[in-house]
Amino acid sequence: MANFSLGKMPWQAQIGLFVVISLAGAGAFFNFYELPQQKAIAAKSVELSAIRGRISKGQATARQLPEFRAQVTELEARLESLKPILPDERDAGDLLRRVQTLAVQSNLVIRGFRPQAINVKELHAEWPISLQLEGNYHNLGLFLDRVSKFPRIINIGSLTLAQREAPTASVTMTITCTATTFVLVEQKAAPVDTKKAKKAPKKAPAKS
């Protein structure tokens, strides 16, 4: 077997071999160590940017927290101020009967009084009733004025006037309208199912 000796090679070959080995080593170092490290650093940079973005967003929200609390306090105060003019479900029926009384006090003849479907919203419910009345413009004006001065909220909508076929001095037209009152809906806690709530079994005392 022929012996390979680096010293016997010409110096140009030795330099070339050294360059080849150095390039191979540098390539192996770059592919197996440097490149994975660069990818890991790039991934960490993206993750760090995302974290910084979340931190900035959280800091902005924290700066707005006093403003949000002030808005909640203002809305709660407005709700409390509306409670006196919004009936609850217990006196809503009585309130609708008072609308009927206001019509009678205004010298309007009631030909129809029919409650309609209740429209439930998030915080309140709308209780409309359909009214069919007879009277004149003066009596209608008195009725609308009394409704506007009523301490509770009552809206009169869908107002339709039609001339009566046989008018008299006190009754010259028929009137149809919808009187709507707004009822405050109290948020009720969900009932607890006592049947599913089982007592934990007592542990027997340890025997000595």
Protein backbone atom coordinates (compact mmCIF):
# COMPACT_ATOMS: atom_id res chain seq x y z
CA MET A 1 0.00 0.00 0.00
CA ALA A 2 1.32 3.39 -0.96
CA ASN A 3 1.97 5.75 1.95
CA PHE A 4 0.31 9.17 1.65
CA SER A 5 2.41 11.94 3.13
CA LEU A 6 1.33 15.57 3.16
CA GLY A 7 4.91 16.65 3.37
CA LYS A 8 5.79 15.05 0.07
CA MET A 9 3.13 17.06 -1.77
CA PRO A 10 4.08 20.29 -3.51
CA TRP A 11 3.36 23.42 -1.50
CA GLN A 12 0.72 24.55 -4.00
CA ALA A 13 -1.15 21.26 -3.47
CA GLN A 14 -0.83 21.62 0.28
CA ILE A 15 -2.31 25.12 0.16
CA GLY A 16 -5.13 23.97 -2.14
CA LEU A 17 -5.92 21.04 0.14
CA PHE A 18 -5.94 23.35 3.15
CA VAL A 19 -8.32 25.73 1.36
CA VAL A 20 -10.66 22.86 0.42
CA ILE A 21 -10.69 21.51 3.99
CA SER A 22 -11.29 25.03 5.38
CA LEU A 23 -14.18 25.66 2.98
CA ALA A 24 -15.71 22.29 3.81
CA GLY A 25 -15.43 23.02 7.51
CA ALA A 26 -16.91 26.49 7.09
CA GLY A 27 -19.80 25.07 5.02
CA ALA A 28 -20.49 22.39 7.61
CA PHE A 29 -20.42 24.98 10.40
CA PHE A 30 -22.82 27.26 8.50
CA ASN A 31 -25.28 24.51 7.52
CA PHE A 32 -25.34 22.59 10.79
CA TYR A 33 -24.92 25.40 13.33
CA GLU A 34 -25.11 28.94 11.97
CA LEU A 35 -28.21 28.51 9.73
CA PRO A 36 -30.38 26.80 12.43
CA GLN A 37 -29.33 29.50 14.89
CA GLN A 38 -30.36 32.25 12.46
CA LYS A 39 -33.76 30.60 11.93
CA ALA A 40 -34.23 30.27 15.69
CA ILE A 41 -33.29 33.92 16.19
CA ALA A 42 -35.72 35.00 13.45
CA ALA A 43 -38.53 32.98 15.06
CA LYS A 44 -37.78 34.46 18.47
CA SER A 45 -37.78 37.95 16.93
CA VAL A 46 -41.26 37.38 15.48
CA GLU A 47 -42.49 36.03 18.82
CA LEU A 48 -40.95 38.99 20.65
CA SER A 49 -42.66 41.44 18.28
CA ALA A 50 -46.01 39.74 18.89
CA ILE A 51 -45.49 39.89 22.67
CA ARG A 52 -44.56 43.56 22.46
CA GLY A 53 -47.70 44.19 20.40
CA ARG A 54 -49.88 42.48 23.03
CA ILE A 55 -48.16 44.44 25.79
CA SER A 56 -48.76 47.72 23.93
CA LYS A 57 -52.41 46.82 23.39
CA GLY A 58 -52.81 45.89 27.05
CA GLN A 59 -51.18 49.14 28.15
CA ALA A 60 -53.53 51.12 25.88
CA THR A 61 -56.54 49.27 27.33
CA ALA A 62 -55.25 49.90 30.86
CA ARG A 63 -54.98 53.62 30.12
CA GLN A 64 -58.61 53.60 28.91
CA LEU A 65 -59.86 51.64 31.94
CA PRO A 66 -60.71 54.75 34.02
CA GLU A 67 -62.70 56.09 31.07
CA PHE A 68 -64.58 52.79 30.73
CA ARG A 69 -65.35 52.78 34.44
CA ALA A 70 -66.64 56.34 34.22
CA GLN A 71 -68.90 55.35 31.31
CA VAL A 72 -70.26 52.37 33.26
CA THR A 73 -70.93 54.61 36.25
CA GLU A 74 -72.72 57.11 34.01
CA LEU A 75 -74.87 54.40 32.39
CA GLU A 76 -75.78 52.97 35.80
CA ALA A 77 -76.78 56.45 36.98
CA ARG A 78 -78.92 56.95 33.86
CA LEU A 79 -80.59 53.59 34.45
CA GLU A 80 -81.37 54.54 38.05
CA SER A 81 -82.83 57.84 36.85
CA LEU A 82 -85.08 56.00 34.37
CA LYS A 83 -86.44 53.53 36.91
CA PRO A 84 -89.00 56.00 38.38
CA ILE A 85 -90.56 56.55 34.93
CA LEU A 86 -90.36 52.92 33.82
CA PRO A 87 -92.92 50.65 35.51
CA ASP A 88 -92.16 47.08 36.40
CA GLU A 89 -94.28 44.13 35.36
CA ARG A 90 -96.44 44.35 38.50
CA ASP A 91 -97.99 47.77 37.74
CA ALA A 92 -97.82 47.70 33.91
CA GLY A 93 -101.39 46.40 33.70
CA ASP A 94 -102.61 49.17 35.97
CA LEU A 95 -100.75 51.69 33.83
CA LEU A 96 -102.55 50.51 30.71
CA ARG A 97 -105.86 50.91 32.51
CA ARG A 98 -104.86 54.48 33.34
CA VAL A 99 -104.44 55.15 29.63
CA GLN A 100 -108.02 54.09 29.24
CA THR A 101 -108.97 56.46 32.08
CA LEU A 102 -107.11 59.35 30.40
CA ALA A 103 -109.16 58.78 27.25
CA VAL A 104 -112.42 58.86 29.23
CA GLN A 105 -111.33 62.01 31.08
CA SER A 106 -110.69 63.64 27.69
CA ASN A 107 -114.31 62.93 26.66
CA LEU A 108 -113.25 60.34 24.10
CA VAL A 109 -115.51 57.35 23.54
CA ILE A 110 -113.60 54.05 23.68
CA ARG A 111 -114.75 51.62 20.99
CA GLY A 112 -111.86 49.20 21.25
CA PHE A 113 -109.09 48.40 23.75
CA ARG A 114 -106.89 45.45 22.76
CA PRO A 115 -103.45 44.62 24.21
CA GLN A 116 -100.94 43.48 21.57
CA ALA A 117 -97.92 41.20 21.68
CA ILE A 118 -95.21 42.23 24.14
CA ASN A 119 -91.84 43.01 22.55
CA VAL A 120 -89.04 42.05 24.95
CA LYS A 121 -85.72 43.88 24.59
CA GLU A 122 -82.46 43.43 26.49
CA LEU A 123 -83.26 45.76 29.41
CA HIS A 124 -86.92 46.60 28.87
CA ALA A 125 -90.13 45.32 27.32
CA GLU A 126 -92.62 47.23 25.15
CA TRP A 127 -96.29 46.78 26.09
CA PRO A 128 -98.48 48.13 23.23
CA ILE A 129 -102.27 48.38 23.22
CA SER A 130 -104.46 49.20 20.27
CA LEU A 131 -107.08 51.90 20.91
CA GLN A 132 -110.17 52.70 18.88
CA LEU A 133 -111.69 56.01 19.94
CA GLU A 134 -114.34 58.48 18.88
CA GLY A 135 -114.39 62.21 19.56
CA ASN A 136 -113.31 65.50 18.07
CA TYR A 137 -110.02 67.32 17.58
CA HIS A 138 -110.31 69.19 20.86
CA ASN A 139 -110.84 65.99 22.88
CA LEU A 140 -107.96 64.28 21.05
CA GLY A 141 -105.71 67.23 21.90
CA LEU A 142 -106.68 66.94 25.58
CA PHE A 143 -105.91 63.22 25.55
CA LEU A 144 -102.47 63.68 23.96
CA ASP A 145 -101.67 66.49 26.39
CA ARG A 146 -102.61 64.35 29.40
CA VAL A 147 -100.52 61.45 28.10
CA SER A 148 -97.48 63.71 27.59
CA LYS A 149 -97.75 64.96 31.19
CA PHE A 150 -98.16 61.50 32.66
CA PRO A 151 -95.24 60.66 35.01
CA ARG A 152 -94.56 57.34 33.25
CA ILE A 153 -93.39 56.95 29.65
CA ILE A 154 -96.27 56.33 27.22
CA ASN A 155 -95.86 56.72 23.47
CA ILE A 156 -98.81 57.26 21.17
CA GLY A 157 -98.09 56.00 17.66
CA SER A 158 -99.79 54.81 14.48
CA LEU A 159 -102.33 57.61 14.85
CA THR A 160 -105.08 57.48 12.20
CA LEU A 161 -108.04 59.88 11.93
CA ALA A 162 -111.16 59.29 9.88
CA GLN A 163 -114.27 61.45 9.54
CA ARG A 164 -117.39 59.90 11.05
CA GLU A 165 -120.23 59.17 8.64
CA ALA A 166 -122.83 60.73 10.94
CA PRO A 167 -120.94 63.38 12.95
CA THR A 168 -122.42 65.04 16.02
CA ALA A 169 -121.34 68.07 18.03
CA SER A 170 -119.14 65.97 20.35
CA VAL A 171 -118.16 63.13 17.99
CA THR A 172 -116.87 64.11 14.58
CA MET A 173 -114.23 61.46 13.84
CA THR A 174 -112.94 58.00 14.65
CA ILE A 175 -109.42 57.61 15.99
CA THR A 176 -107.17 54.56 15.97
CA CYS A 177 -103.76 54.56 17.64
CA THR A 178 -101.30 52.42 19.57
CA ALA A 179 -100.33 53.36 23.12
CA THR A 180 -97.01 51.81 24.13
CA THR A 181 -95.53 51.77 27.61
CA PHE A 182 -92.05 50.55 28.47
CA VAL A 183 -91.53 48.07 31.28
CA LEU A 184 -88.19 47.64 33.04
CA VAL A 185 -87.01 44.03 32.85
CA GLU A 186 -85.12 43.01 35.96
CA GLN A 187 -82.23 40.59 35.39
CA LYS A 188 -83.00 37.45 37.37
CA ALA A 189 -80.42 34.92 38.45
CA ALA A 190 -80.73 31.44 36.99
CA PRO A 191 -82.57 29.09 39.38
CA VAL A 192 -80.48 26.46 41.11
CA ASP A 193 -81.53 22.86 40.52
CA THR A 194 -81.63 21.48 44.03
CA LYS A 195 -82.19 17.94 42.77
CA LYS A 196 -78.76 17.87 41.14
CA ALA A 197 -77.03 19.31 44.18
CA LYS A 198 -76.04 16.28 46.20
CA LYS A 199 -74.46 16.35 49.59
CA ALA A 200 -70.98 14.90 49.84
CA PRO A 201 -70.99 11.59 51.74
CA LYS A 202 -69.59 11.76 55.23
CA LYS A 203 -66.39 9.85 55.81
CA ALA A 204 -66.51 7.09 58.36
CA PRO A 205 -64.22 7.60 61.37
CA ALA A 206 -60.95 5.76 61.14
CA LYS A 207 -60.74 2.62 63.23
CA SER A 208 -58.00 2.45 65.79
